[in-house]
Amino acid sequence: MSFFRPLSSFVSVALVSASLWVAPARADDVADAQSLVKDMMASAVNDFGGKTLPNDQLEQIVIGYFGKYASVPLSSRDILGRYWARATDDERIEFQSLMVEYAIDSWSKQLNDLSPNQDVTFTTSETTPEGRIVLHSLIINSDTTPVDWQVAHAEDGHLVITDVSIEGASIVETMKADFTTIIRANHGKIAPLLEALRKKIADYKASGV
């Protein structure tokens, strides 16, 4: 089973490259972005490959991945889109916390299915009009899966993975579509989305899924 196939539900539409012209990514930035992805893949294989870990240990490891390889503020802004500007400071803080918990509860237990024989081969790269790097790659295991990685500089300048697209399905855009549907159904209010996330997280924990 491919590592990222379970995440195609987080996880993220084709990446932001569609109808606009995009420039080739700078070689040094591309090399750094590729190193980031390779490091994460190697860590995942080491942490999860061929192992069945208890839920609490799985969740702690995944929390560490958010801190090392992602930017919760960047991803939160991407997911909420224009509604991010409408959210209060308290709503933004709570959304970031709930989004991480929701993602962990949704995916972490599936990582026990990770094959220890994962490899990534990069094909091409480009930059989006917003200056983010898109790496096109193939994840090779028992089969070959096209995976696109979107990489950006966090506020402090270090590189983070902001989106992953598996076979054209973007994690961020999938979450954005689901979440904005709830917001729009509630006249643009963020609070009902936060309540829906709280309920979903509680359901996960109650069911042990």
C-alpha atoms as a PDB file:
ATOM      1  CA  MET A   1       0.000   0.000   0.000  1.00  0.00           C
ATOM      2  CA  SER A   2       1.459   3.380  -0.994  1.00  0.00           C
ATOM      3  CA  PHE A   3       2.357   5.636   1.948  1.00  0.00           C
ATOM      4  CA  PHE A   4       0.262   8.583   0.847  1.00  0.00           C
ATOM      5  CA  ARG A   5      -2.754   6.770  -0.533  1.00  0.00           C
ATOM      6  CA  PRO A   6      -4.422   6.699   2.929  1.00  0.00           C
ATOM      7  CA  LEU A   7      -3.955  10.471   3.127  1.00  0.00           C
ATOM      8  CA  SER A   8      -5.839  11.227  -0.046  1.00  0.00           C
ATOM      9  CA  SER A   9      -9.004  11.787   2.045  1.00  0.00           C
ATOM     10  CA  PHE A  10      -6.058  15.226   4.089  1.00  0.00           C
ATOM     11  CA  VAL A  11      -5.091  15.431   2.282  1.00  0.00           C
ATOM     12  CA  SER A  12      -4.910  17.742  -1.088  1.00  0.00           C
ATOM     13  CA  VAL A  13      -7.453  19.291  -6.501  1.00  0.00           C
ATOM     14  CA  ALA A  14      -4.401  19.333  -8.486  1.00  0.00           C
ATOM     15  CA  LEU A  15      -1.784  21.616  -6.941  1.00  0.00           C
ATOM     16  CA  VAL A  16      -1.949  25.309  -7.581  1.00  0.00           C
ATOM     17  CA  SER A  17      -0.541  25.146 -11.109  1.00  0.00           C
ATOM     18  CA  ALA A  18      -3.550  24.804 -13.356  1.00  0.00           C
ATOM     19  CA  SER A  19      -4.254  27.479 -15.968  1.00  0.00           C
ATOM     20  CA  LEU A  20      -1.535  30.028 -15.150  1.00  0.00           C
ATOM     21  CA  TRP A  21       1.984  30.094 -16.589  1.00  0.00           C
ATOM     22  CA  VAL A  22       4.538  29.006 -14.037  1.00  0.00           C
ATOM     23  CA  ALA A  23       8.264  29.618 -14.070  1.00  0.00           C
ATOM     24  CA  PRO A  24      10.871  26.915 -13.605  1.00  0.00           C
ATOM     25  CA  ALA A  25      11.932  26.629  -9.978  1.00  0.00           C
ATOM     26  CA  ARG A  26      15.460  27.736  -9.062  1.00  0.00           C
ATOM     27  CA  ALA A  27      17.860  24.805  -8.907  1.00  0.00           C
ATOM     28  CA  ASP A  28      19.047  25.484  -5.354  1.00  0.00           C
ATOM     29  CA  ASP A  29      15.498  25.851  -4.016  1.00  0.00           C
ATOM     30  CA  VAL A  30      14.446  22.680  -5.825  1.00  0.00           C
ATOM     31  CA  ALA A  31      17.364  20.732  -4.374  1.00  0.00           C
ATOM     32  CA  ASP A  32      16.495  21.918  -0.864  1.00  0.00           C
ATOM     33  CA  ALA A  33      12.817  21.073  -1.383  1.00  0.00           C
ATOM     34  CA  GLN A  34      13.695  17.598  -2.659  1.00  0.00           C
ATOM     35  CA  SER A  35      15.942  17.038   0.355  1.00  0.00           C
ATOM     36  CA  LEU A  36      13.073  18.008   2.663  1.00  0.00           C
ATOM     37  CA  VAL A  37      10.705  15.518   1.020  1.00  0.00           C
ATOM     38  CA  LYS A  38      13.322  12.755   0.997  1.00  0.00           C
ATOM     39  CA  ASP A  39      14.065  13.358   4.662  1.00  0.00           C
ATOM     40  CA  MET A  40      10.386  13.100   5.547  1.00  0.00           C
ATOM     41  CA  MET A  41       9.970   9.929   3.499  1.00  0.00           C
ATOM     42  CA  ALA A  42      13.028   8.334   5.113  1.00  0.00           C
ATOM     43  CA  SER A  43      11.778   9.292   8.576  1.00  0.00           C
ATOM     44  CA  ALA A  44       8.334   7.853   7.835  1.00  0.00           C
ATOM     45  CA  VAL A  45       9.773   4.553   6.640  1.00  0.00           C
ATOM     46  CA  ASN A  46      12.007   4.402   9.713  1.00  0.00           C
ATOM     47  CA  ASP A  47       9.199   5.306  12.139  1.00  0.00           C
ATOM     48  CA  PHE A  48       6.313   3.357  10.610  1.00  0.00           C
ATOM     49  CA  GLY A  49       7.622   0.918   8.002  1.00  0.00           C
ATOM     50  CA  GLY A  50       6.633  -2.657   8.830  1.00  0.00           C
ATOM     51  CA  LYS A  51       5.541  -1.666  12.354  1.00  0.00           C
ATOM     52  CA  THR A  52       2.268  -1.694  14.229  1.00  0.00           C
ATOM     53  CA  LEU A  53       2.441   1.018  16.870  1.00  0.00           C
ATOM     54  CA  PRO A  54      -0.014   1.851  19.669  1.00  0.00           C
ATOM     55  CA  ASN A  55      -2.292   4.789  18.958  1.00  0.00           C
ATOM     56  CA  ASP A  56      -0.741   7.152  21.474  1.00  0.00           C
ATOM     57  CA  GLN A  57       2.739   6.558  20.072  1.00  0.00           C
ATOM     58  CA  LEU A  58       1.500   6.996  16.505  1.00  0.00           C
ATOM     59  CA  GLU A  59      -0.127  10.293  17.380  1.00  0.00           C
ATOM     60  CA  GLN A  60       2.961  11.647  19.136  1.00  0.00           C
ATOM     61  CA  ILE A  61       5.131  10.856  16.126  1.00  0.00           C
ATOM     62  CA  VAL A  62       2.680  12.519  13.732  1.00  0.00           C
ATOM     63  CA  ILE A  63       2.559  15.616  15.949  1.00  0.00           C
ATOM     64  CA  GLY A  64       6.331  15.802  15.594  1.00  0.00           C
ATOM     65  CA  TYR A  65       5.994  15.637  11.804  1.00  0.00           C
ATOM     66  CA  PHE A  66       3.716  18.676  11.835  1.00  0.00           C
ATOM     67  CA  GLY A  67       6.332  20.600  13.774  1.00  0.00           C
ATOM     68  CA  LYS A  68       9.251  19.549  11.575  1.00  0.00           C
ATOM     69  CA  TYR A  69       7.863  19.329   8.059  1.00  0.00           C
ATOM     70  CA  ALA A  70       4.759  21.540   7.943  1.00  0.00           C
ATOM     71  CA  SER A  71       3.511  24.997   8.850  1.00  0.00           C
ATOM     72  CA  VAL A  72       0.143  24.895  10.571  1.00  0.00           C
ATOM     73  CA  PRO A  73      -0.451  28.653  10.057  1.00  0.00           C
ATOM     74  CA  LEU A  74       0.298  28.412   6.313  1.00  0.00           C
ATOM     75  CA  SER A  75      -1.869  25.333   5.843  1.00  0.00           C
ATOM     76  CA  SER A  76      -4.682  26.860   7.889  1.00  0.00           C
ATOM     77  CA  ARG A  77      -4.717  29.981   5.711  1.00  0.00           C
ATOM     78  CA  ASP A  78      -4.684  27.848   2.568  1.00  0.00           C
ATOM     79  CA  ILE A  79      -7.562  25.686   3.789  1.00  0.00           C
ATOM     80  CA  LEU A  80      -9.819  28.532   4.944  1.00  0.00           C
ATOM     81  CA  GLY A  81      -8.981  30.749   1.956  1.00  0.00           C
ATOM     82  CA  ARG A  82     -10.879  34.041   2.044  1.00  0.00           C
ATOM     83  CA  TYR A  83     -12.593  33.005   5.269  1.00  0.00           C
ATOM     84  CA  TRP A  84      -9.286  33.220   7.111  1.00  0.00           C
ATOM     85  CA  ALA A  85      -9.495  37.029   6.917  1.00  0.00           C
ATOM     86  CA  ARG A  86     -13.005  36.933   8.353  1.00  0.00           C
ATOM     87  CA  ALA A  87     -12.093  34.758  11.327  1.00  0.00           C
ATOM     88  CA  THR A  88     -11.381  36.328  14.699  1.00  0.00           C
ATOM     89  CA  ASP A  89      -8.026  35.770  16.377  1.00  0.00           C
ATOM     90  CA  ASP A  90      -9.618  33.270  18.757  1.00  0.00           C
ATOM     91  CA  GLU A  91     -11.250  31.399  15.846  1.00  0.00           C
ATOM     92  CA  ARG A  92      -7.935  31.228  13.999  1.00  0.00           C
ATOM     93  CA  ILE A  93      -6.149  29.842  17.032  1.00  0.00           C
ATOM     94  CA  GLU A  94      -8.833  27.239  17.660  1.00  0.00           C
ATOM     95  CA  PHE A  95      -9.052  26.260  13.996  1.00  0.00           C
ATOM     96  CA  GLN A  96      -5.316  25.583  13.838  1.00  0.00           C
ATOM     97  CA  SER A  97      -5.503  23.388  16.921  1.00  0.00           C
ATOM     98  CA  LEU A  98      -8.584  21.501  15.738  1.00  0.00           C
ATOM     99  CA  MET A  99      -7.229  21.084  12.209  1.00  0.00           C
ATOM    100  CA  VAL A 100      -4.112  19.372  13.520  1.00  0.00           C
ATOM    101  CA  GLU A 101      -6.083  17.137  15.876  1.00  0.00           C
ATOM    102  CA  TYR A 102      -8.562  16.271  13.113  1.00  0.00           C
ATOM    103  CA  ALA A 103      -5.737  15.357  10.739  1.00  0.00           C
ATOM    104  CA  ILE A 104      -3.958  13.236  13.332  1.00  0.00           C
ATOM    105  CA  ASP A 105      -7.132  11.356  14.256  1.00  0.00           C
ATOM    106  CA  SER A 106      -7.948  10.883  10.561  1.00  0.00           C
ATOM    107  CA  TRP A 107      -4.587   9.569   9.386  1.00  0.00           C
ATOM    108  CA  SER A 108      -2.210   8.443  12.058  1.00  0.00           C
ATOM    109  CA  LYS A 109      -3.615   4.960  12.629  1.00  0.00           C
ATOM    110  CA  GLN A 110      -3.467   4.257   8.890  1.00  0.00           C
ATOM    111  CA  LEU A 111       0.295   4.664   8.969  1.00  0.00           C
ATOM    112  CA  ASN A 112       0.521   1.169  10.417  1.00  0.00           C
ATOM    113  CA  ASP A 113      -0.094   0.059   6.820  1.00  0.00           C
ATOM    114  CA  LEU A 114       3.083   1.747   5.596  1.00  0.00           C
ATOM    115  CA  SER A 115       5.316  -0.481   3.554  1.00  0.00           C
ATOM    116  CA  PRO A 116       8.997  -0.413   4.546  1.00  0.00           C
ATOM    117  CA  ASN A 117       9.911  -0.372   0.838  1.00  0.00           C
ATOM    118  CA  GLN A 118       9.091   3.172  -0.254  1.00  0.00           C
ATOM    119  CA  ASP A 119      11.101   5.240  -2.698  1.00  0.00           C
ATOM    120  CA  VAL A 120      10.532   8.635  -4.305  1.00  0.00           C
ATOM    121  CA  THR A 121      11.758   9.636  -7.747  1.00  0.00           C
ATOM    122  CA  PHE A 122      11.423  13.283  -8.758  1.00  0.00           C
ATOM    123  CA  THR A 123      10.503  14.058 -12.359  1.00  0.00           C
ATOM    124  CA  THR A 124       9.953  17.794 -12.945  1.00  0.00           C
ATOM    125  CA  SER A 125       9.471  20.932 -10.868  1.00  0.00           C
ATOM    126  CA  GLU A 126       8.014  24.407 -11.209  1.00  0.00           C
ATOM    127  CA  THR A 127       7.082  27.453  -9.183  1.00  0.00           C
ATOM    128  CA  THR A 128       3.579  28.780  -8.716  1.00  0.00           C
ATOM    129  CA  PRO A 129       2.738  32.468  -9.260  1.00  0.00           C
ATOM    130  CA  GLU A 130       2.832  32.745  -5.455  1.00  0.00           C
ATOM    131  CA  GLY A 131       6.442  31.570  -5.430  1.00  0.00           C
ATOM    132  CA  ARG A 132       5.860  28.089  -4.056  1.00  0.00           C
ATOM    133  CA  ILE A 133       7.763  25.115  -5.419  1.00  0.00           C
ATOM    134  CA  VAL A 134       5.855  22.193  -6.899  1.00  0.00           C
ATOM    135  CA  LEU A 135       7.778  18.930  -7.126  1.00  0.00           C
ATOM    136  CA  HIS A 136       6.335  16.253  -9.367  1.00  0.00           C
ATOM    137  CA  SER A 137       7.358  12.765  -8.355  1.00  0.00           C
ATOM    138  CA  LEU A 138       6.614   9.068  -8.434  1.00  0.00           C
ATOM    139  CA  ILE A 139       6.300   7.080  -5.223  1.00  0.00           C
ATOM    140  CA  ILE A 140       7.546   3.596  -6.020  1.00  0.00           C
ATOM    141  CA  ASN A 141       6.522   0.577  -4.002  1.00  0.00           C
ATOM    142  CA  SER A 142       4.633  -2.467  -5.250  1.00  0.00           C
ATOM    143  CA  ASP A 143       3.034   0.020  -7.648  1.00  0.00           C
ATOM    144  CA  THR A 144       3.903   3.521  -8.874  1.00  0.00           C
ATOM    145  CA  THR A 145       1.865   6.505  -7.692  1.00  0.00           C
ATOM    146  CA  PRO A 146       2.160  10.076  -9.047  1.00  0.00           C
ATOM    147  CA  VAL A 147       2.568  12.482  -6.127  1.00  0.00           C
ATOM    148  CA  ASP A 148       3.004  16.264  -6.295  1.00  0.00           C
ATOM    149  CA  TRP A 149       4.504  18.142  -3.364  1.00  0.00           C
ATOM    150  CA  GLN A 150       4.017  21.849  -2.736  1.00  0.00           C
ATOM    151  CA  VAL A 151       6.853  23.411  -0.745  1.00  0.00           C
ATOM    152  CA  ALA A 152       7.078  26.969   0.585  1.00  0.00           C
ATOM    153  CA  HIS A 153       9.103  29.098   2.956  1.00  0.00           C
ATOM    154  CA  ALA A 154       7.543  29.472   6.386  1.00  0.00           C
ATOM    155  CA  GLU A 155       7.559  32.869   8.070  1.00  0.00           C
ATOM    156  CA  ASP A 156      10.976  32.220   9.583  1.00  0.00           C
ATOM    157  CA  GLY A 157      12.365  31.233   6.182  1.00  0.00           C
ATOM    158  CA  HIS A 158      12.719  27.459   6.536  1.00  0.00           C
ATOM    159  CA  LEU A 159      11.109  25.188   3.946  1.00  0.00           C
ATOM    160  CA  VAL A 160       7.888  23.332   4.753  1.00  0.00           C
ATOM    161  CA  ILE A 161       5.547  21.041   2.856  1.00  0.00           C
ATOM    162  CA  THR A 162       2.248  22.876   2.392  1.00  0.00           C
ATOM    163  CA  ASP A 163       0.304  20.406   0.266  1.00  0.00           C
ATOM    164  CA  VAL A 164       0.470  16.920  -1.191  1.00  0.00           C
ATOM    165  CA  SER A 165      -1.474  15.818  -4.256  1.00  0.00           C
ATOM    166  CA  ILE A 166      -1.898  12.078  -4.825  1.00  0.00           C
ATOM    167  CA  GLU A 167      -2.928  11.122  -8.351  1.00  0.00           C
ATOM    168  CA  GLY A 168      -4.281  14.648  -8.831  1.00  0.00           C
ATOM    169  CA  ALA A 169      -6.210  14.790  -5.530  1.00  0.00           C
ATOM    170  CA  SER A 170      -4.956  17.627  -3.338  1.00  0.00           C
ATOM    171  CA  ILE A 171      -5.107  17.207   0.426  1.00  0.00           C
ATOM    172  CA  VAL A 172      -5.481  20.926   1.119  1.00  0.00           C
ATOM    173  CA  GLU A 173      -8.085  21.481  -1.589  1.00  0.00           C
ATOM    174  CA  THR A 174     -10.093  18.475  -0.400  1.00  0.00           C
ATOM    175  CA  MET A 175     -10.174  19.830   3.138  1.00  0.00           C
ATOM    176  CA  LYS A 176     -10.891  23.333   1.840  1.00  0.00           C
ATOM    177  CA  ALA A 177     -13.883  22.104  -0.162  1.00  0.00           C
ATOM    178  CA  ASP A 178     -15.295  20.165   2.802  1.00  0.00           C
ATOM    179  CA  PHE A 179     -14.783  22.957   5.306  1.00  0.00           C
ATOM    180  CA  THR A 180     -15.981  25.845   3.159  1.00  0.00           C
ATOM    181  CA  THR A 181     -19.170  23.911   2.396  1.00  0.00           C
ATOM    182  CA  ILE A 182     -19.960  24.033   6.117  1.00  0.00           C
ATOM    183  CA  ILE A 183     -19.032  27.724   6.361  1.00  0.00           C
ATOM    184  CA  ARG A 184     -21.158  28.702   3.363  1.00  0.00           C
ATOM    185  CA  ALA A 185     -24.115  26.724   4.683  1.00  0.00           C
ATOM    186  CA  ASN A 186     -23.873  28.845   7.825  1.00  0.00           C
ATOM    187  CA  HIS A 187     -23.758  32.265   6.151  1.00  0.00           C
ATOM    188  CA  GLY A 188     -19.979  32.610   6.230  1.00  0.00           C
ATOM    189  CA  LYS A 189     -19.621  31.941   9.953  1.00  0.00           C
ATOM    190  CA  ILE A 190     -16.562  30.043  11.229  1.00  0.00           C
ATOM    191  CA  ALA A 191     -18.059  28.928  14.550  1.00  0.00           C
ATOM    192  CA  PRO A 192     -20.236  26.137  13.051  1.00  0.00           C
ATOM    193  CA  LEU A 193     -17.148  24.666  11.345  1.00  0.00           C
ATOM    194  CA  LEU A 194     -15.280  24.656  14.650  1.00  0.00           C
ATOM    195  CA  GLU A 195     -18.206  22.895  16.304  1.00  0.00           C
ATOM    196  CA  ALA A 196     -18.355  20.320  13.484  1.00  0.00           C
ATOM    197  CA  LEU A 197     -14.625  19.637  13.900  1.00  0.00           C
ATOM    198  CA  ARG A 198     -14.988  19.256  17.670  1.00  0.00           C
ATOM    199  CA  LYS A 199     -17.781  16.735  17.135  1.00  0.00           C
ATOM    200  CA  LYS A 200     -15.846  14.786  14.515  1.00  0.00           C
ATOM    201  CA  ILE A 201     -12.778  14.600  16.752  1.00  0.00           C
ATOM    202  CA  ALA A 202     -14.934  13.444  19.679  1.00  0.00           C
ATOM    203  CA  ASP A 203     -16.497  10.773  17.459  1.00  0.00           C
ATOM    204  CA  TYR A 204     -13.036   9.543  16.415  1.00  0.00           C
ATOM    205  CA  LYS A 205     -11.922   9.262  20.017  1.00  0.00           C
ATOM    206  CA  ALA A 206     -15.134   7.576  21.157  1.00  0.00           C
ATOM    207  CA  SER A 207     -14.961   4.977  18.402  1.00  0.00           C
ATOM    208  CA  GLY A 208     -11.231   4.429  18.701  1.00  0.00           C
ATOM    209  CA  VAL A 209     -10.932   4.767  14.900  1.00  0.00           C
END
